[in-house]
C-alpha cells in the first residue's frame, strides 16, 4: 500500500513508523526506485540488538528519529526536508 500511495500521490515526504526489518528495507528500496526525490523520515524505538538494521535503514532514508522523540525537533527537520 505504501508504494502505491507514493507512486500515485504528489507527496513530498513520507513518515514511516515501523520496526526496522528486511521487509521494511525492501519497501524503502521500492520507494526510492519509484520516487527518487521523495523524502523519507522514519520513526522507531532503538534496539541495540538491531544495529545492523539501524545502519541499513539510515542508508535508505533521509532522517531517523528514535522514540521517544521531541515533536519540535521532528517538526523542524520536516521543514528542512521540505525546503531543500
N, C-alpha and C. Protein backbone atom coordinates (compact mmCIF):
# COMPACT_ATOMS: atom_id res chain seq x y z
N UNK A 1 0.81 -1.19 0.00
CA UNK A 1 0.00 0.00 0.00
C UNK A 1 0.86 1.26 0.00
N UNK A 2 1.97 1.22 0.73
CA UNK A 2 2.86 2.38 0.81
C UNK A 2 3.42 2.74 -0.55
N UNK A 3 3.87 1.74 -1.30
CA UNK A 3 4.43 2.00 -2.62
C UNK A 3 3.37 2.58 -3.56
N UNK A 4 2.15 2.07 -3.49
CA UNK A 4 1.07 2.56 -4.33
C UNK A 4 0.76 4.01 -4.00
N UNK A 5 0.69 4.33 -2.72
CA UNK A 5 0.44 5.69 -2.29
C UNK A 5 1.53 6.63 -2.81
N UNK A 6 2.77 6.24 -2.63
CA UNK A 6 3.88 7.09 -3.06
C UNK A 6 3.90 7.28 -4.57
N UNK A 7 3.57 6.24 -5.30
CA UNK A 7 3.60 6.31 -6.76
C UNK A 7 2.46 7.16 -7.31
N UNK A 8 1.33 7.20 -6.61
CA UNK A 8 0.14 7.86 -7.12
C UNK A 8 -0.20 9.17 -6.44
N UNK A 9 0.66 9.66 -5.59
CA UNK A 9 0.36 10.91 -4.91
C UNK A 9 1.44 11.95 -5.21
N UNK A 10 1.13 13.16 -4.85
CA UNK A 10 2.09 14.24 -5.05
C UNK A 10 2.84 14.56 -3.75
N UNK A 11 2.85 13.62 -2.83
CA UNK A 11 3.51 13.84 -1.54
C UNK A 11 5.01 14.07 -1.75
N UNK A 12 5.55 14.98 -0.96
CA UNK A 12 6.98 15.25 -1.00
C UNK A 12 7.72 14.55 0.13
N UNK A 13 6.96 14.10 1.13
CA UNK A 13 7.55 13.50 2.32
C UNK A 13 6.65 12.38 2.80
N UNK A 14 7.28 11.30 3.24
CA UNK A 14 6.54 10.21 3.86
C UNK A 14 7.17 9.95 5.22
N UNK A 15 6.32 9.75 6.22
CA UNK A 15 6.78 9.42 7.57
C UNK A 15 6.39 7.97 7.82
N UNK A 16 7.39 7.16 8.14
CA UNK A 16 7.17 5.74 8.37
C UNK A 16 7.47 5.44 9.82
N UNK A 17 6.52 4.83 10.49
CA UNK A 17 6.67 4.42 11.88
C UNK A 17 6.64 2.91 11.88
N UNK A 18 7.81 2.29 11.90
CA UNK A 18 7.88 0.84 11.80
C UNK A 18 9.19 0.32 12.38
N UNK A 19 9.16 -0.90 12.84
CA UNK A 19 10.36 -1.56 13.34
C UNK A 19 11.24 -1.92 12.15
N UNK A 20 12.53 -1.58 12.18
CA UNK A 20 13.41 -1.95 11.06
C UNK A 20 13.44 -3.47 10.86
N UNK A 21 13.30 -3.87 9.60
CA UNK A 21 13.29 -5.29 9.26
C UNK A 21 13.67 -5.43 7.79
N UNK A 22 13.86 -6.66 7.38
CA UNK A 22 14.17 -6.92 5.97
C UNK A 22 13.03 -6.44 5.08
N UNK A 23 11.79 -6.64 5.53
CA UNK A 23 10.64 -6.22 4.74
C UNK A 23 10.60 -4.69 4.60
N UNK A 24 10.90 -3.97 5.66
CA UNK A 24 10.92 -2.51 5.59
C UNK A 24 12.02 -2.05 4.64
N UNK A 25 13.18 -2.69 4.69
CA UNK A 25 14.27 -2.33 3.78
C UNK A 25 13.85 -2.53 2.32
N UNK A 26 13.14 -3.61 2.04
CA UNK A 26 12.65 -3.85 0.68
C UNK A 26 11.68 -2.74 0.25
N UNK A 27 10.81 -2.35 1.15
CA UNK A 27 9.85 -1.28 0.83
C UNK A 27 10.55 0.05 0.63
N UNK A 28 11.57 0.32 1.43
CA UNK A 28 12.34 1.55 1.26
C UNK A 28 13.03 1.56 -0.10
N UNK A 29 13.60 0.43 -0.49
CA UNK A 29 14.21 0.32 -1.81
C UNK A 29 13.19 0.60 -2.91
N UNK A 30 12.03 0.02 -2.76
CA UNK A 30 10.97 0.20 -3.74
C UNK A 30 10.53 1.67 -3.81
N UNK A 31 10.42 2.30 -2.66
CA UNK A 31 10.06 3.73 -2.64
C UNK A 31 11.09 4.56 -3.37
N UNK A 32 12.35 4.30 -3.12
CA UNK A 32 13.43 5.07 -3.76
C UNK A 32 13.43 4.85 -5.27
N UNK A 33 13.10 3.64 -5.70
CA UNK A 33 13.04 3.38 -7.14
C UNK A 33 11.86 4.10 -7.78
N UNK A 34 10.74 4.12 -7.06
CA UNK A 34 9.53 4.74 -7.58
C UNK A 34 9.62 6.26 -7.59
N UNK A 35 10.10 6.83 -6.49
CA UNK A 35 10.14 8.29 -6.32
C UNK A 35 11.47 8.68 -5.70
N UNK A 36 12.46 8.91 -6.52
CA UNK A 36 13.80 9.22 -6.04
C UNK A 36 13.86 10.50 -5.21
N UNK A 37 13.03 11.46 -5.52
CA UNK A 37 13.07 12.75 -4.81
C UNK A 37 12.20 12.76 -3.56
N UNK A 38 11.49 11.68 -3.29
CA UNK A 38 10.65 11.59 -2.11
C UNK A 38 11.52 11.59 -0.85
N UNK A 39 11.19 12.45 0.08
CA UNK A 39 11.89 12.50 1.36
C UNK A 39 11.25 11.47 2.29
N UNK A 40 12.09 10.75 3.03
CA UNK A 40 11.58 9.71 3.92
C UNK A 40 12.12 9.95 5.32
N UNK A 41 11.21 10.04 6.27
CA UNK A 41 11.54 10.19 7.69
C UNK A 41 11.02 8.95 8.39
N UNK A 42 11.87 8.31 9.17
CA UNK A 42 11.46 7.07 9.84
C UNK A 42 11.53 7.23 11.34
N UNK A 43 10.54 6.67 12.01
CA UNK A 43 10.44 6.69 13.46
C UNK A 43 10.43 5.26 13.99
N UNK A 44 11.20 5.01 15.03
CA UNK A 44 11.14 3.70 15.69
C UNK A 44 11.88 3.74 17.02
N UNK A 45 11.68 2.69 17.80
CA UNK A 45 12.36 2.55 19.07
C UNK A 45 13.71 1.89 18.81
N UNK A 46 14.79 2.55 19.25
CA UNK A 46 16.13 2.00 19.04
C UNK A 46 16.29 0.73 19.87
N UNK A 47 16.91 -0.27 19.25
CA UNK A 47 17.21 -1.52 19.93
C UNK A 47 18.66 -1.87 19.62
N UNK A 48 19.48 -1.93 20.64
CA UNK A 48 20.91 -2.21 20.46
C UNK A 48 21.15 -3.56 19.78
N UNK A 49 20.20 -4.45 19.84
CA UNK A 49 20.33 -5.76 19.20
C UNK A 49 20.14 -5.67 17.68
N UNK A 50 19.56 -4.56 17.22
CA UNK A 50 19.27 -4.40 15.79
C UNK A 50 20.14 -3.35 15.14
N UNK A 51 21.40 -3.25 15.53
CA UNK A 51 22.26 -2.21 14.98
C UNK A 51 22.49 -2.39 13.48
N UNK A 52 22.48 -3.63 13.02
CA UNK A 52 22.66 -3.86 11.58
C UNK A 52 21.50 -3.24 10.79
N UNK A 53 20.28 -3.52 11.21
CA UNK A 53 19.12 -2.94 10.53
C UNK A 53 19.10 -1.43 10.69
N UNK A 54 19.49 -0.94 11.87
CA UNK A 54 19.53 0.50 12.09
C UNK A 54 20.43 1.18 11.06
N UNK A 55 21.61 0.65 10.86
CA UNK A 55 22.54 1.24 9.89
C UNK A 55 22.03 1.13 8.46
N UNK A 56 21.45 0.00 8.14
CA UNK A 56 20.92 -0.20 6.79
C UNK A 56 19.74 0.73 6.51
N UNK A 57 18.88 0.92 7.50
CA UNK A 57 17.75 1.84 7.34
C UNK A 57 18.28 3.25 7.08
N UNK A 58 19.29 3.66 7.83
CA UNK A 58 19.86 5.01 7.69
C UNK A 58 20.41 5.24 6.28
N UNK A 59 20.81 4.19 5.60
CA UNK A 59 21.29 4.31 4.23
C UNK A 59 20.16 4.50 3.22
N UNK A 60 18.91 4.30 3.66
CA UNK A 60 17.76 4.37 2.76
C UNK A 60 16.84 5.56 3.00
N UNK A 61 17.00 6.21 4.13
CA UNK A 61 16.08 7.30 4.48
C UNK A 61 16.85 8.60 4.67
N UNK A 62 16.11 9.68 4.74
CA UNK A 62 16.73 10.99 4.95
C UNK A 62 16.98 11.27 6.41
N UNK A 63 16.11 10.78 7.28
CA UNK A 63 16.22 11.06 8.70
C UNK A 63 15.59 9.93 9.51
N UNK A 64 16.21 9.64 10.66
CA UNK A 64 15.66 8.69 11.62
C UNK A 64 15.52 9.41 12.94
N UNK A 65 14.37 9.20 13.59
CA UNK A 65 14.16 9.67 14.96
C UNK A 65 13.80 8.46 15.81
N UNK A 66 14.48 8.36 16.93
CA UNK A 66 14.18 7.29 17.88
C UNK A 66 13.10 7.75 18.84
N UNK A 67 12.23 6.84 19.18
CA UNK A 67 11.19 7.13 20.16
C UNK A 67 11.78 6.96 21.55
N UNK A 68 11.39 7.73 22.50
CA UNK A 68 10.54 8.90 22.36
C UNK A 68 11.32 10.04 21.72
N UNK A 69 10.65 10.86 20.98
CA UNK A 69 11.31 11.96 20.28
C UNK A 69 10.65 13.28 20.66
N UNK A 70 11.37 14.34 20.41
CA UNK A 70 10.87 15.68 20.66
C UNK A 70 10.10 16.16 19.43
N UNK A 71 8.84 16.48 19.60
CA UNK A 71 7.99 16.88 18.48
C UNK A 71 8.53 18.13 17.80
N UNK A 72 9.05 19.06 18.55
CA UNK A 72 9.59 20.28 17.94
C UNK A 72 10.79 19.97 17.04
N UNK A 73 11.63 19.06 17.47
CA UNK A 73 12.79 18.67 16.67
C UNK A 73 12.35 17.99 15.38
N UNK A 74 11.37 17.12 15.47
CA UNK A 74 10.85 16.44 14.29
C UNK A 74 10.21 17.46 13.34
N UNK A 75 9.44 18.37 13.88
CA UNK A 75 8.80 19.41 13.06
C UNK A 75 9.83 20.25 12.34
N UNK A 76 10.87 20.61 13.04
CA UNK A 76 11.94 21.41 12.43
C UNK A 76 12.61 20.64 11.29
N UNK A 77 12.86 19.37 11.51
CA UNK A 77 13.51 18.55 10.47
C UNK A 77 12.60 18.41 9.26
N UNK A 78 11.31 18.27 9.48
CA UNK A 78 10.37 18.16 8.36
C UNK A 78 10.42 19.43 7.53
N UNK A 79 10.43 20.57 8.18
CA UNK A 79 10.54 21.84 7.45
C UNK A 79 11.82 21.88 6.63
N UNK A 80 12.94 21.43 7.22
CA UNK A 80 14.22 21.42 6.49
C UNK A 80 14.14 20.51 5.27
N UNK A 81 13.57 19.34 5.44
CA UNK A 81 13.48 18.39 4.31
C UNK A 81 12.60 18.93 3.19
N UNK A 82 11.58 19.67 3.53
CA UNK A 82 10.66 20.16 2.51
C UNK A 82 11.13 21.44 1.84
N UNK A 83 12.13 22.09 2.39
CA UNK A 83 12.63 23.32 1.76
C UNK A 83 13.89 23.08 0.96
N UNK A 84 14.36 21.87 0.91
CA UNK A 84 15.58 21.55 0.15
C UNK A 84 15.24 21.39 -1.30
